[in-house]
Amino acid sequence: MQKLRFFTSGESHGRALIGILEGIPAELPLSSEDINRELKRRQIGYGRGGRMKIESDQATILSGVRWGKTLGSPISVLIDNKDWLNWQRGMSIEKDHSDSIPPVTRPRPGHVDIPGFWEYWFTDIRNVLEG
């Protein structure tokens, strides 16, 4: 029996989110539309504020699928952040932009801010917002 593993990479307000799914057998039908249909369900769900109603995420499969079927290799998926233009400097990978926005220093209750802060001891909690 093959183990299913899922990895994500990307910061809250970063350029994009990458997901890697490992352990999916070959020859299963899968398309970006299948994933996007499931992402759309998020918009009608429950949550604080109206953020999920204005975010319409769209996934792009980068690898692990050919001609509409899984290959058995890891599947990588990209979800671009449509709000990236507003965060280019504040979440930049370039050192030149390090002072472009003030740091977040107060963790939010009920989020991963506190465990992330304790694990890495960042002075700007924004590095671990939403984990």
Protein backbone atom coordinates (compact mmCIF):
# COMPACT_ATOMS: atom_id res chain seq x y z
CA MET A 1 0.00 0.00 0.00
CA GLN A 2 1.42 3.33 -1.08
CA LYS A 3 1.51 6.21 1.38
CA LEU A 4 -0.25 9.46 0.40
CA ARG A 5 1.74 12.60 1.23
CA PHE A 6 0.87 16.24 0.64
CA PHE A 7 3.25 19.19 0.80
CA THR A 8 2.62 22.91 0.39
CA SER A 9 4.95 25.81 -0.16
CA GLY A 10 4.14 29.48 -0.17
CA GLU A 11 3.54 32.28 2.27
CA SER A 12 0.29 34.10 2.99
CA HIS A 13 0.27 37.04 0.56
CA GLY A 14 3.18 35.49 -1.36
CA ARG A 15 3.34 35.12 -5.13
CA ALA A 16 1.73 31.68 -5.27
CA LEU A 17 0.97 28.47 -3.45
CA ILE A 18 2.53 25.23 -4.63
CA GLY A 19 1.06 21.89 -3.67
CA ILE A 20 2.74 18.54 -4.23
CA LEU A 21 0.74 15.34 -3.88
CA GLU A 22 2.69 12.10 -3.75
CA GLY A 23 1.28 8.58 -3.77
CA ILE A 24 -1.55 8.90 -6.30
CA PRO A 25 -1.64 5.83 -8.56
CA ALA A 26 -1.18 6.09 -12.32
CA GLU A 27 -4.03 6.19 -14.81
CA LEU A 28 -6.58 8.08 -12.69
CA PRO A 29 -8.47 10.81 -14.56
CA LEU A 30 -7.52 14.30 -13.32
CA SER A 31 -7.70 17.81 -14.75
CA SER A 32 -7.20 21.35 -13.49
CA GLU A 33 -10.98 21.74 -13.85
CA ASP A 34 -11.50 18.90 -11.34
CA ILE A 35 -9.36 20.70 -8.78
CA ASN A 36 -10.90 24.10 -9.53
CA ARG A 37 -14.40 22.71 -9.01
CA GLU A 38 -13.36 21.63 -5.50
CA LEU A 39 -11.65 24.97 -4.81
CA LYS A 40 -14.85 26.77 -5.78
CA ARG A 41 -16.65 24.94 -2.95
CA ARG A 42 -14.54 27.04 -0.55
CA GLN A 43 -16.40 30.14 -1.64
CA ILE A 44 -19.74 28.84 -0.35
CA GLY A 45 -18.34 27.46 2.92
CA TYR A 46 -18.07 28.91 6.38
CA GLY A 47 -15.33 31.18 7.65
CA ARG A 48 -14.58 34.52 9.22
CA GLY A 49 -15.13 37.61 7.14
CA GLY A 50 -15.87 37.76 3.45
CA ARG A 51 -12.37 36.94 2.21
CA MET A 52 -13.24 33.56 0.76
CA LYS A 53 -16.13 35.08 -1.20
CA ILE A 54 -13.78 37.41 -3.10
CA GLU A 55 -10.96 34.91 -3.65
CA SER A 56 -11.56 32.67 -6.64
CA ASP A 57 -8.50 30.43 -6.69
CA GLN A 58 -7.57 28.66 -9.92
CA ALA A 59 -5.20 25.69 -9.93
CA THR A 60 -2.80 24.79 -12.70
CA ILE A 61 -1.35 21.30 -12.77
CA LEU A 62 2.38 21.57 -13.51
CA SER A 63 3.41 17.91 -13.51
CA GLY A 64 2.34 14.38 -12.75
CA VAL A 65 -0.56 14.33 -15.23
CA ARG A 66 -0.46 13.68 -18.96
CA TRP A 67 -3.41 13.68 -21.33
CA GLY A 68 -5.86 13.86 -18.46
CA LYS A 69 -4.49 10.92 -16.46
CA THR A 70 -2.14 10.69 -13.51
CA LEU A 71 1.33 9.29 -14.16
CA GLY A 72 2.00 7.81 -10.72
CA SER A 73 4.72 10.40 -10.10
CA PRO A 74 4.19 13.34 -7.71
CA ILE A 75 1.57 15.82 -8.91
CA SER A 76 2.48 19.48 -8.56
CA VAL A 77 -0.16 22.20 -8.59
CA LEU A 78 0.27 25.98 -8.76
CA ILE A 79 -2.27 28.47 -7.41
CA ASP A 80 -1.30 32.05 -8.25
CA ASN A 81 -2.09 34.79 -5.72
CA LYS A 82 -4.21 37.34 -7.58
CA ASP A 83 -3.42 39.90 -4.86
CA TRP A 84 0.34 39.59 -5.47
CA LEU A 85 0.58 43.03 -7.10
CA ASN A 86 -0.29 44.58 -3.73
CA TRP A 87 2.36 42.52 -1.89
CA GLN A 88 5.31 42.45 -4.34
CA ARG A 89 7.57 44.58 -2.16
CA GLY A 90 6.22 43.51 1.24
CA MET A 91 6.67 39.79 0.48
CA SER A 92 9.59 40.11 -1.94
CA ILE A 93 12.45 37.61 -1.96
CA GLU A 94 14.84 40.53 -2.61
CA LYS A 95 16.77 41.98 0.33
CA ASP A 96 16.35 45.51 -1.09
CA HIS A 97 12.67 45.45 -0.05
CA SER A 98 13.21 44.30 3.55
CA ASP A 99 11.93 47.53 5.13
CA SER A 100 9.01 48.12 2.74
CA ILE A 101 6.26 47.28 5.29
CA PRO A 102 6.21 47.18 9.09
CA PRO A 103 6.57 43.78 10.78
CA VAL A 104 3.62 41.93 12.30
CA THR A 105 4.46 41.43 15.98
CA ARG A 106 1.13 40.34 17.52
CA PRO A 107 -0.02 36.78 16.83
CA ARG A 108 -3.71 36.18 16.08
CA PRO A 109 -5.62 33.79 18.32
CA GLY A 110 -6.74 30.61 16.59
CA HIS A 111 -4.16 30.77 13.80
CA VAL A 112 -0.79 29.09 13.32
CA ASP A 113 1.00 32.36 14.05
CA ILE A 114 2.00 31.35 17.59
CA PRO A 115 3.32 27.83 16.82
CA GLY A 116 5.16 29.19 13.78
CA PHE A 117 6.69 31.99 15.84
CA TRP A 118 7.78 29.55 18.56
CA GLU A 119 9.31 27.17 16.05
CA TYR A 120 11.34 29.74 14.09
CA TRP A 121 11.56 32.77 16.43
CA PHE A 122 10.98 35.32 13.66
CA THR A 123 10.67 38.97 14.68
CA ASP A 124 8.08 39.42 11.89
CA ILE A 125 5.22 36.95 12.32
CA ARG A 126 4.20 37.60 8.70
CA ASN A 127 6.78 34.93 7.75
CA VAL A 128 4.54 32.24 9.26
CA LEU A 129 1.04 33.68 8.81
CA GLU A 130 -1.32 30.91 7.78
CA GLY A 131 1.64 28.47 7.94
